[in-house]
Amino acid sequence: GDFRKAGSRSKGEFKTESLNELLDDDVKDLQSKGLDADTIRIDDGEFEAIINRERLFALGDSAIPTEGKMYDVIDAHKGDMLGSMTG
């Protein structure tokens, strides 16, 4: 989504409409960068790494890479979250 805009927190509730809005924002963001959202896909290995909670939160040799083609892992314990995202 477009993180430059303020948003409301879900507080444990996340409706389909909210997800659709986030995904629409992602598509618009990709299109503004000249990319075709229909051709961008996450590969099976990356999807399995981030969807499997045990793997996602594993430590040491079992941990997933901190950067993938379609994701970045943010360690909230290493300072503020927005600072971590800018690298």
PDB file of N, CA and C in Angstrom:
ATOM      1  N   GLY A   1       0.807  -1.183   0.000  1.00  0.00           N
ATOM      2  CA  GLY A   1       0.000   0.000   0.000  1.00  0.00           C
ATOM      3  C   GLY A   1       0.848   1.243   0.000  1.00  0.00           C
ATOM      4  N   ASP A   2       0.225   2.355  -0.023  1.00  0.00           N
ATOM      5  CA  ASP A   2       0.915   3.638  -0.005  1.00  0.00           C
ATOM      6  C   ASP A   2       1.113   4.041   1.444  1.00  0.00           C
ATOM      7  N   PHE A   3       2.321   3.834   1.967  1.00  0.00           N
ATOM      8  CA  PHE A   3       2.608   4.098   3.367  1.00  0.00           C
ATOM      9  C   PHE A   3       2.775   5.577   3.666  1.00  0.00           C
ATOM     10  N   ARG A   4       2.734   6.414   2.644  1.00  0.00           N
ATOM     11  CA  ARG A   4       2.846   7.850   2.872  1.00  0.00           C
ATOM     12  C   ARG A   4       1.554   8.423   3.427  1.00  0.00           C
ATOM     13  N   LYS A   5       0.468   7.680   3.296  1.00  0.00           N
ATOM     14  CA  LYS A   5      -0.831   8.141   3.788  1.00  0.00           C
ATOM     15  C   LYS A   5      -1.100   7.543   5.161  1.00  0.00           C
ATOM     16  N   ALA A   6      -1.712   8.347   6.007  1.00  0.00           N
ATOM     17  CA  ALA A   6      -2.114   7.828   7.320  1.00  0.00           C
ATOM     18  C   ALA A   6      -3.271   6.864   7.135  1.00  0.00           C
ATOM     19  N   GLY A   7      -3.313   5.843   7.954  1.00  0.00           N
ATOM     20  CA  GLY A   7      -4.400   4.870   7.851  1.00  0.00           C
ATOM     21  C   GLY A   7      -4.914   4.492   9.209  1.00  0.00           C
ATOM     22  N   SER A   8      -5.998   3.776   9.235  1.00  0.00           N
ATOM     23  CA  SER A   8      -6.551   3.318  10.505  1.00  0.00           C
ATOM     24  C   SER A   8      -5.996   1.939  10.827  1.00  0.00           C
ATOM     25  N   ARG A   9      -5.883   1.635  12.068  1.00  0.00           N
ATOM     26  CA  ARG A   9      -5.392   0.336  12.513  1.00  0.00           C
ATOM     27  C   ARG A   9      -6.557  -0.636  12.592  1.00  0.00           C
ATOM     28  N   SER A  10      -6.297  -1.895  12.304  1.00  0.00           N
ATOM     29  CA  SER A  10      -7.381  -2.881  12.250  1.00  0.00           C
ATOM     30  C   SER A  10      -7.854  -3.332  13.625  1.00  0.00           C
ATOM     31  N   LYS A  11      -6.998  -3.255  14.632  1.00  0.00           N
ATOM     32  CA  LYS A  11      -7.326  -3.720  15.986  1.00  0.00           C
ATOM     33  C   LYS A  11      -7.873  -5.143  15.953  1.00  0.00           C
ATOM     34  N   GLY A  12      -7.244  -5.973  15.155  1.00  0.00           N
ATOM     35  CA  GLY A  12      -7.641  -7.374  15.072  1.00  0.00           C
ATOM     36  C   GLY A  12      -8.704  -7.656  14.041  1.00  0.00           C
ATOM     37  N   GLU A  13      -9.314  -6.628  13.489  1.00  0.00           N
ATOM     38  CA  GLU A  13     -10.348  -6.818  12.476  1.00  0.00           C
ATOM     39  C   GLU A  13      -9.797  -6.360  11.133  1.00  0.00           C
ATOM     40  N   PHE A  14      -9.941  -7.200  10.134  1.00  0.00           N
ATOM     41  CA  PHE A  14      -9.471  -6.831   8.804  1.00  0.00           C
ATOM     42  C   PHE A  14     -10.506  -7.306   7.803  1.00  0.00           C
ATOM     43  N   LYS A  15     -11.195  -6.368   7.218  1.00  0.00           N
ATOM     44  CA  LYS A  15     -12.297  -6.697   6.329  1.00  0.00           C
ATOM     45  C   LYS A  15     -11.802  -6.832   4.887  1.00  0.00           C
ATOM     46  N   THR A  16     -12.531  -7.585   4.101  1.00  0.00           N
ATOM     47  CA  THR A  16     -12.192  -7.790   2.697  1.00  0.00           C
ATOM     48  C   THR A  16     -12.078  -6.467   1.961  1.00  0.00           C
ATOM     49  N   GLU A  17     -12.954  -5.537   2.271  1.00  0.00           N
ATOM     50  CA  GLU A  17     -12.916  -4.223   1.626  1.00  0.00           C
ATOM     51  C   GLU A  17     -11.590  -3.511   1.887  1.00  0.00           C
ATOM     52  N   SER A  18     -11.084  -3.607   3.112  1.00  0.00           N
ATOM     53  CA  SER A  18      -9.796  -2.984   3.448  1.00  0.00           C
ATOM     54  C   SER A  18      -8.658  -3.633   2.676  1.00  0.00           C
ATOM     55  N   LEU A  19      -8.692  -4.957   2.569  1.00  0.00           N
ATOM     56  CA  LEU A  19      -7.662  -5.670   1.821  1.00  0.00           C
ATOM     57  C   LEU A  19      -7.700  -5.268   0.353  1.00  0.00           C
ATOM     58  N   ASN A  20      -8.893  -5.181  -0.216  1.00  0.00           N
ATOM     59  CA  ASN A  20      -9.021  -4.767  -1.612  1.00  0.00           C
ATOM     60  C   ASN A  20      -8.455  -3.373  -1.834  1.00  0.00           C
ATOM     61  N   GLU A  21      -8.698  -2.461  -0.897  1.00  0.00           N
ATOM     62  CA  GLU A  21      -8.155  -1.106  -1.013  1.00  0.00           C
ATOM     63  C   GLU A  21      -6.627  -1.121  -0.981  1.00  0.00           C
ATOM     64  N   LEU A  22      -6.060  -1.928  -0.072  1.00  0.00           N
ATOM     65  CA  LEU A  22      -4.595  -2.027   0.001  1.00  0.00           C
ATOM     66  C   LEU A  22      -4.021  -2.596  -1.294  1.00  0.00           C
ATOM     67  N   LEU A  23      -4.651  -3.631  -1.807  1.00  0.00           N
ATOM     68  CA  LEU A  23      -4.165  -4.238  -3.042  1.00  0.00           C
ATOM     69  C   LEU A  23      -4.310  -3.287  -4.224  1.00  0.00           C
ATOM     70  N   ASP A  24      -5.411  -2.544  -4.278  1.00  0.00           N
ATOM     71  CA  ASP A  24      -5.580  -1.537  -5.332  1.00  0.00           C
ATOM     72  C   ASP A  24      -4.473  -0.491  -5.261  1.00  0.00           C
ATOM     73  N   ASP A  25      -4.111  -0.071  -4.037  1.00  0.00           N
ATOM     74  CA  ASP A  25      -3.017   0.883  -3.862  1.00  0.00           C
ATOM     75  C   ASP A  25      -1.701   0.300  -4.386  1.00  0.00           C
ATOM     76  N   ASP A  26      -1.468  -0.992  -4.113  1.00  0.00           N
ATOM     77  CA  ASP A  26      -0.244  -1.640  -4.596  1.00  0.00           C
ATOM     78  C   ASP A  26      -0.196  -1.646  -6.121  1.00  0.00           C
ATOM     79  N   VAL A  27      -1.304  -1.968  -6.753  1.00  0.00           N
ATOM     80  CA  VAL A  27      -1.371  -2.002  -8.215  1.00  0.00           C
ATOM     81  C   VAL A  27      -1.121  -0.603  -8.783  1.00  0.00           C
ATOM     82  N   LYS A  28      -1.751   0.411  -8.200  1.00  0.00           N
ATOM     83  CA  LYS A  28      -1.540   1.788  -8.660  1.00  0.00           C
ATOM     84  C   LYS A  28      -0.084   2.204  -8.490  1.00  0.00           C
ATOM     85  N   ASP A  29       0.532   1.795  -7.372  1.00  0.00           N
ATOM     86  CA  ASP A  29       1.934   2.118  -7.121  1.00  0.00           C
ATOM     87  C   ASP A  29       2.830   1.479  -8.179  1.00  0.00           C
ATOM     88  N   LEU A  30       2.578   0.211  -8.494  1.00  0.00           N
ATOM     89  CA  LEU A  30       3.365  -0.474  -9.523  1.00  0.00           C
ATOM     90  C   LEU A  30       3.171   0.181 -10.884  1.00  0.00           C
ATOM     91  N   GLN A  31       1.938   0.543 -11.203  1.00  0.00           N
ATOM     92  CA  GLN A  31       1.653   1.168 -12.488  1.00  0.00           C
ATOM     93  C   GLN A  31       2.320   2.538 -12.592  1.00  0.00           C
ATOM     94  N   SER A  32       2.388   3.275 -11.463  1.00  0.00           N
ATOM     95  CA  SER A  32       3.042   4.586 -11.488  1.00  0.00           C
ATOM     96  C   SER A  32       4.544   4.451 -11.720  1.00  0.00           C
ATOM     97  N   LYS A  33       5.094   3.276 -11.432  1.00  0.00           N
ATOM     98  CA  LYS A  33       6.522   3.008 -11.670  1.00  0.00           C
ATOM     99  C   LYS A  33       6.753   2.385 -13.041  1.00  0.00           C
ATOM    100  N   GLY A  34       5.693   2.291 -13.843  1.00  0.00           N
ATOM    101  CA  GLY A  34       5.815   1.732 -15.181  1.00  0.00           C
ATOM    102  C   GLY A  34       5.864   0.220 -15.215  1.00  0.00           C
ATOM    103  N   LEU A  35       5.420  -0.434 -14.148  1.00  0.00           N
ATOM    104  CA  LEU A  35       5.440  -1.894 -14.083  1.00  0.00           C
ATOM    105  C   LEU A  35       4.040  -2.441 -14.314  1.00  0.00           C
ATOM    106  N   ASP A  36       3.974  -3.623 -14.875  1.00  0.00           N
ATOM    107  CA  ASP A  36       2.690  -4.288 -15.133  1.00  0.00           C
ATOM    108  C   ASP A  36       2.395  -5.237 -13.982  1.00  0.00           C
ATOM    109  N   ALA A  37       1.388  -4.909 -13.179  1.00  0.00           N
ATOM    110  CA  ALA A  37       1.059  -5.702 -11.998  1.00  0.00           C
ATOM    111  C   ALA A  37       0.680  -7.138 -12.349  1.00  0.00           C
ATOM    112  N   ASP A  38       0.190  -7.378 -13.560  1.00  0.00           N
ATOM    113  CA  ASP A  38      -0.211  -8.730 -13.948  1.00  0.00           C
ATOM    114  C   ASP A  38       0.986  -9.655 -14.177  1.00  0.00           C
ATOM    115  N   THR A  39       2.163  -9.097 -14.412  1.00  0.00           N
ATOM    116  CA  THR A  39       3.332  -9.938 -14.689  1.00  0.00           C
ATOM    117  C   THR A  39       4.229 -10.116 -13.468  1.00  0.00           C
ATOM    118  N   ILE A  40       3.929  -9.431 -12.377  1.00  0.00           N
ATOM    119  CA  ILE A  40       4.759  -9.522 -11.181  1.00  0.00           C
ATOM    120  C   ILE A  40       4.174 -10.593 -10.270  1.00  0.00           C
ATOM    121  N   ARG A  41       4.960 -11.585  -9.963  1.00  0.00           N
ATOM    122  CA  ARG A  41       4.497 -12.712  -9.152  1.00  0.00           C
ATOM    123  C   ARG A  41       5.545 -13.067  -8.107  1.00  0.00           C
ATOM    124  N   ILE A  42       5.090 -13.539  -6.964  1.00  0.00           N
ATOM    125  CA  ILE A  42       5.991 -14.075  -5.951  1.00  0.00           C
ATOM    126  C   ILE A  42       6.184 -15.553  -6.268  1.00  0.00           C
ATOM    127  N   ASP A  43       7.427 -16.020  -6.207  1.00  0.00           N
ATOM    128  CA  ASP A  43       7.644 -17.431  -6.526  1.00  0.00           C
ATOM    129  C   ASP A  43       7.247 -18.304  -5.336  1.00  0.00           C
ATOM    130  N   ASP A  44       7.081 -19.586  -5.607  1.00  0.00           N
ATOM    131  CA  ASP A  44       6.585 -20.516  -4.587  1.00  0.00           C
ATOM    132  C   ASP A  44       7.470 -20.557  -3.344  1.00  0.00           C
ATOM    133  N   GLY A  45       8.783 -20.514  -3.525  1.00  0.00           N
ATOM    134  CA  GLY A  45       9.705 -20.578  -2.387  1.00  0.00           C
ATOM    135  C   GLY A  45       9.555 -19.392  -1.455  1.00  0.00           C
ATOM    136  N   GLU A  46       9.486 -18.190  -2.010  1.00  0.00           N
ATOM    137  CA  GLU A  46       9.307 -16.996  -1.183  1.00  0.00           C
ATOM    138  C   GLU A  46       7.938 -17.009  -0.509  1.00  0.00           C
ATOM    139  N   PHE A  47       6.922 -17.410  -1.236  1.00  0.00           N
ATOM    140  CA  PHE A  47       5.588 -17.464  -0.646  1.00  0.00           C
ATOM    141  C   PHE A  47       5.568 -18.410   0.543  1.00  0.00           C
ATOM    142  N   GLU A  48       6.146 -19.593   0.397  1.00  0.00           N
ATOM    143  CA  GLU A  48       6.194 -20.568   1.489  1.00  0.00           C
ATOM    144  C   GLU A  48       6.965 -20.027   2.680  1.00  0.00           C
ATOM    145  N   ALA A  49       8.033 -19.276   2.424  1.00  0.00           N
ATOM    146  CA  ALA A  49       8.847 -18.727   3.512  1.00  0.00           C
ATOM    147  C   ALA A  49       8.061 -17.729   4.357  1.00  0.00           C
ATOM    148  N   ILE A  50       7.272 -16.882   3.716  1.00  0.00           N
ATOM    149  CA  ILE A  50       6.580 -15.844   4.481  1.00  0.00           C
ATOM    150  C   ILE A  50       5.201 -16.261   4.975  1.00  0.00           C
ATOM    151  N   ILE A  51       4.608 -17.289   4.383  1.00  0.00           N
ATOM    152  CA  ILE A  51       3.278 -17.716   4.823  1.00  0.00           C
ATOM    153  C   ILE A  51       3.371 -18.710   5.987  1.00  0.00           C
ATOM    154  N   ASN A  52       4.479 -19.411   6.097  1.00  0.00           N
ATOM    155  CA  ASN A  52       4.686 -20.388   7.163  1.00  0.00           C
ATOM    156  C   ASN A  52       5.241 -19.656   8.391  1.00  0.00           C
ATOM    157  N   ARG A  53       4.386 -19.456   9.395  1.00  0.00           N
ATOM    158  CA  ARG A  53       4.774 -18.656  10.569  1.00  0.00           C
ATOM    159  C   ARG A  53       5.980 -19.237  11.297  1.00  0.00           C
ATOM    160  N   GLU A  54       6.080 -20.565  11.391  1.00  0.00           N
ATOM    161  CA  GLU A  54       7.244 -21.163  12.057  1.00  0.00           C
ATOM    162  C   GLU A  54       8.524 -20.785  11.334  1.00  0.00           C
ATOM    163  N   ARG A  55       8.503 -20.824  10.025  1.00  0.00           N
ATOM    164  CA  ARG A  55       9.671 -20.456   9.235  1.00  0.00           C
ATOM    165  C   ARG A  55       9.919 -18.961   9.277  1.00  0.00           C
ATOM    166  N   LEU A  56       8.846 -18.190   9.219  1.00  0.00           N
ATOM    167  CA  LEU A  56       8.964 -16.735   9.206  1.00  0.00           C
ATOM    168  C   LEU A  56       9.635 -16.210  10.467  1.00  0.00           C
ATOM    169  N   PHE A  57       9.323 -16.808  11.625  1.00  0.00           N
ATOM    170  CA  PHE A  57       9.863 -16.324  12.892  1.00  0.00           C
ATOM    171  C   PHE A  57      11.017 -17.182  13.418  1.00  0.00           C
ATOM    172  N   ALA A  58      11.548 -18.057  12.589  1.00  0.00           N
ATOM    173  CA  ALA A  58      12.672 -18.898  12.998  1.00  0.00           C
ATOM    174  C   ALA A  58      13.933 -18.038  13.168  1.00  0.00           C
ATOM    175  N   LEU A  59      14.864 -18.542  13.956  1.00  0.00           N
ATOM    176  CA  LEU A  59      16.125 -17.837  14.208  1.00  0.00           C
ATOM    177  C   LEU A  59      17.296 -18.661  13.709  1.00  0.00           C
ATOM    178  N   GLY A  60      18.423 -18.013  13.554  1.00  0.00           N
ATOM    179  CA  GLY A  60      19.652 -18.703  13.182  1.00  0.00           C
ATOM    180  C   GLY A  60      19.615 -19.251  11.765  1.00  0.00           C
ATOM    181  N   ASP A  61      20.148 -20.443  11.600  1.00  0.00           N
ATOM    182  CA  ASP A  61      20.238 -21.059  10.274  1.00  0.00           C
ATOM    183  C   ASP A  61      18.871 -21.340   9.658  1.00  0.00           C
ATOM    184  N   SER A  62      17.841 -21.455  10.487  1.00  0.00           N
ATOM    185  CA  SER A  62      16.492 -21.743   9.991  1.00  0.00           C
ATOM    186  C   SER A  62      15.752 -20.483   9.539  1.00  0.00           C
ATOM    187  N   ALA A  63      16.315 -19.307   9.835  1.00  0.00           N
ATOM    188  CA  ALA A  63      15.639 -18.042   9.496  1.00  0.00           C
ATOM    189  C   ALA A  63      15.628 -17.833   7.984  1.00  0.00           C
ATOM    190  N   ILE A  64      14.567 -17.187   7.517  1.00  0.00           N
ATOM    191  CA  ILE A  64      14.499 -16.852   6.099  1.00  0.00           C
ATOM    192  C   ILE A  64      15.419 -15.656   5.839  1.00  0.00           C
ATOM    193  N   PRO A  65      15.871 -15.442   4.598  1.00  0.00           N
ATOM    194  CA  PRO A  65      16.694 -14.270   4.298  1.00  0.00           C
ATOM    195  C   PRO A  65      15.936 -12.983   4.637  1.00  0.00           C
ATOM    196  N   THR A  66      16.652 -11.953   5.053  1.00  0.00           N
ATOM    197  CA  THR A  66      15.988 -10.700   5.427  1.00  0.00           C
ATOM    198  C   THR A  66      15.466  -9.931   4.224  1.00  0.00           C
ATOM    199  N   GLU A  67      15.943 -10.239   3.041  1.00  0.00           N
ATOM    200  CA  GLU A  67      15.438  -9.600   1.833  1.00  0.00           C
ATOM    201  C   GLU A  67      15.165 -10.658   0.778  1.00  0.00           C
ATOM    202  N   GLY A  68      14.017 -10.530   0.157  1.00  0.00           N
ATOM    203  CA  GLY A  68      13.666 -11.406  -0.951  1.00  0.00           C
ATOM    204  C   GLY A  68      13.288 -10.553  -2.143  1.00  0.00           C
ATOM    205  N   LYS A  69      12.939 -11.186  -3.217  1.00  0.00           N
ATOM    206  CA  LYS A  69      12.526 -10.451  -4.414  1.00  0.00           C
ATOM    207  C   LYS A  69      11.245  -9.672  -4.161  1.00  0.00           C
ATOM    208  N   MET A  70      10.327 -10.266  -3.378  1.00  0.00           N
ATOM    209  CA  MET A  70       9.011  -9.651  -3.161  1.00  0.00           C
ATOM    210  C   MET A  70       8.724  -9.330  -1.692  1.00  0.00           C
ATOM    211  N   TYR A  71       9.739  -9.366  -0.812  1.00  0.00           N
ATOM    212  CA  TYR A  71       9.511  -9.045   0.598  1.00  0.00           C
ATOM    213  C   TYR A  71      10.794  -8.541   1.241  1.00  0.00           C
ATOM    214  N   ASP A  72      10.653  -7.851   2.356  1.00  0.00           N
ATOM    215  CA  ASP A  72      11.752  -7.473   3.243  1.00  0.00           C
ATOM    216  C   ASP A  72      11.309  -7.787   4.660  1.00  0.00           C
ATOM    217  N   VAL A  73      12.200  -8.345   5.464  1.00  0.00           N
ATOM    218  CA  VAL A  73      11.900  -8.623   6.862  1.00  0.00           C
ATOM    219  C   VAL A  73      12.374  -7.426   7.680  1.00  0.00           C
ATOM    220  N   ILE A  74      11.497  -6.881   8.497  1.00  0.00           N
ATOM    221  CA  ILE A  74      11.828  -5.745   9.354  1.00  0.00           C
ATOM    222  C   ILE A  74      11.972  -6.253  10.781  1.00  0.00           C
ATOM    223  N   ASP A  75      13.125  -5.979  11.402  1.00  0.00           N
ATOM    224  CA  ASP A  75      13.348  -6.364  12.791  1.00  0.00           C
ATOM    225  C   ASP A  75      12.998  -5.175  13.676  1.00  0.00           C
ATOM    226  N   ALA A  76      11.847  -5.228  14.305  1.00  0.00           N
ATOM    227  CA  ALA A  76      11.364  -4.120  15.130  1.00  0.00           C
ATOM    228  C   ALA A  76      12.241  -3.901  16.360  1.00  0.00           C
ATOM    229  N   HIS A  77      13.070  -4.872  16.708  1.00  0.00           N
ATOM    230  CA  HIS A  77      13.936  -4.751  17.883  1.00  0.00           C
ATOM    231  C   HIS A  77      15.205  -3.960  17.586  1.00  0.00           C
ATOM    232  N   LYS A  78      15.443  -3.621  16.335  1.00  0.00           N
ATOM    233  CA  LYS A  78      16.648  -2.878  15.937  1.00  0.00           C
ATOM    234  C   LYS A  78      16.307  -1.432  15.614  1.00  0.00           C
ATOM    235  N   GLY A  79      15.643  -0.753  16.524  1.00  0.00           N
ATOM    236  CA  GLY A  79      15.303   0.646  16.311  1.00  0.00           C
ATOM    237  C   GLY A  79      13.897   0.800  15.804  1.00  0.00           C
ATOM    238  N   ASP A  80      13.594   2.017  15.358  1.00  0.00           N
ATOM    239  CA  ASP A  80      12.228   2.261  14.906  1.00  0.00           C
ATOM    240  C   ASP A  80      11.966   1.581  13.578  1.00  0.00           C
ATOM    241  N   MET A  81      10.720   1.213  13.338  1.00  0.00           N
ATOM    242  CA  MET A  81      10.345   0.427  12.175  1.00  0.00           C
ATOM    243  C   MET A  81      10.547   1.196  10.872  1.00  0.00           C
ATOM    244  N   LEU A  82      10.165   2.465  10.815  1.00  0.00           N
ATOM    245  CA  LEU A  82      10.317   3.221   9.576  1.00  0.00           C
ATOM    246  C   LEU A  82      11.790   3.407   9.247  1.00  0.00           C
ATOM    247  N   GLY A  83      12.631   3.604  10.249  1.00  0.00           N
ATOM    248  CA  GLY A  83      14.064   3.711  10.005  1.00  0.00           C
ATOM    249  C   GLY A  83      14.640   2.421   9.464  1.00  0.00           C
ATOM    250  N   SER A  84      14.127   1.297   9.914  1.00  0.00           N
ATOM    251  CA  SER A  84      14.586  -0.002   9.419  1.00  0.00           C
ATOM    252  C   SER A  84      14.242  -0.203   7.959  1.00  0.00           C
ATOM    253  N   MET A  85      13.103   0.346   7.519  1.00  0.00           N
ATOM    254  CA  MET A  85      12.654   0.143   6.147  1.00  0.00           C
ATOM    255  C   MET A  85      13.467   0.945   5.154  1.00  0.00           C
ATOM    256  N   THR A  86      14.041   2.062   5.569  1.00  0.00           N
ATOM    257  CA  THR A  86      14.786   2.880   4.627  1.00  0.00           C
ATOM    258  C   THR A  86      16.194   2.362   4.417  1.00  0.00           C
ATOM    259  N   GLY A  87      16.624   1.431   5.255  1.00  0.00           N
ATOM    260  CA  GLY A  87      17.919   0.785   5.081  1.00  0.00           C
ATOM    261  C   GLY A  87      19.018   1.696   5.426  1.00  0.00           C
TER     262      GLY A  87
END
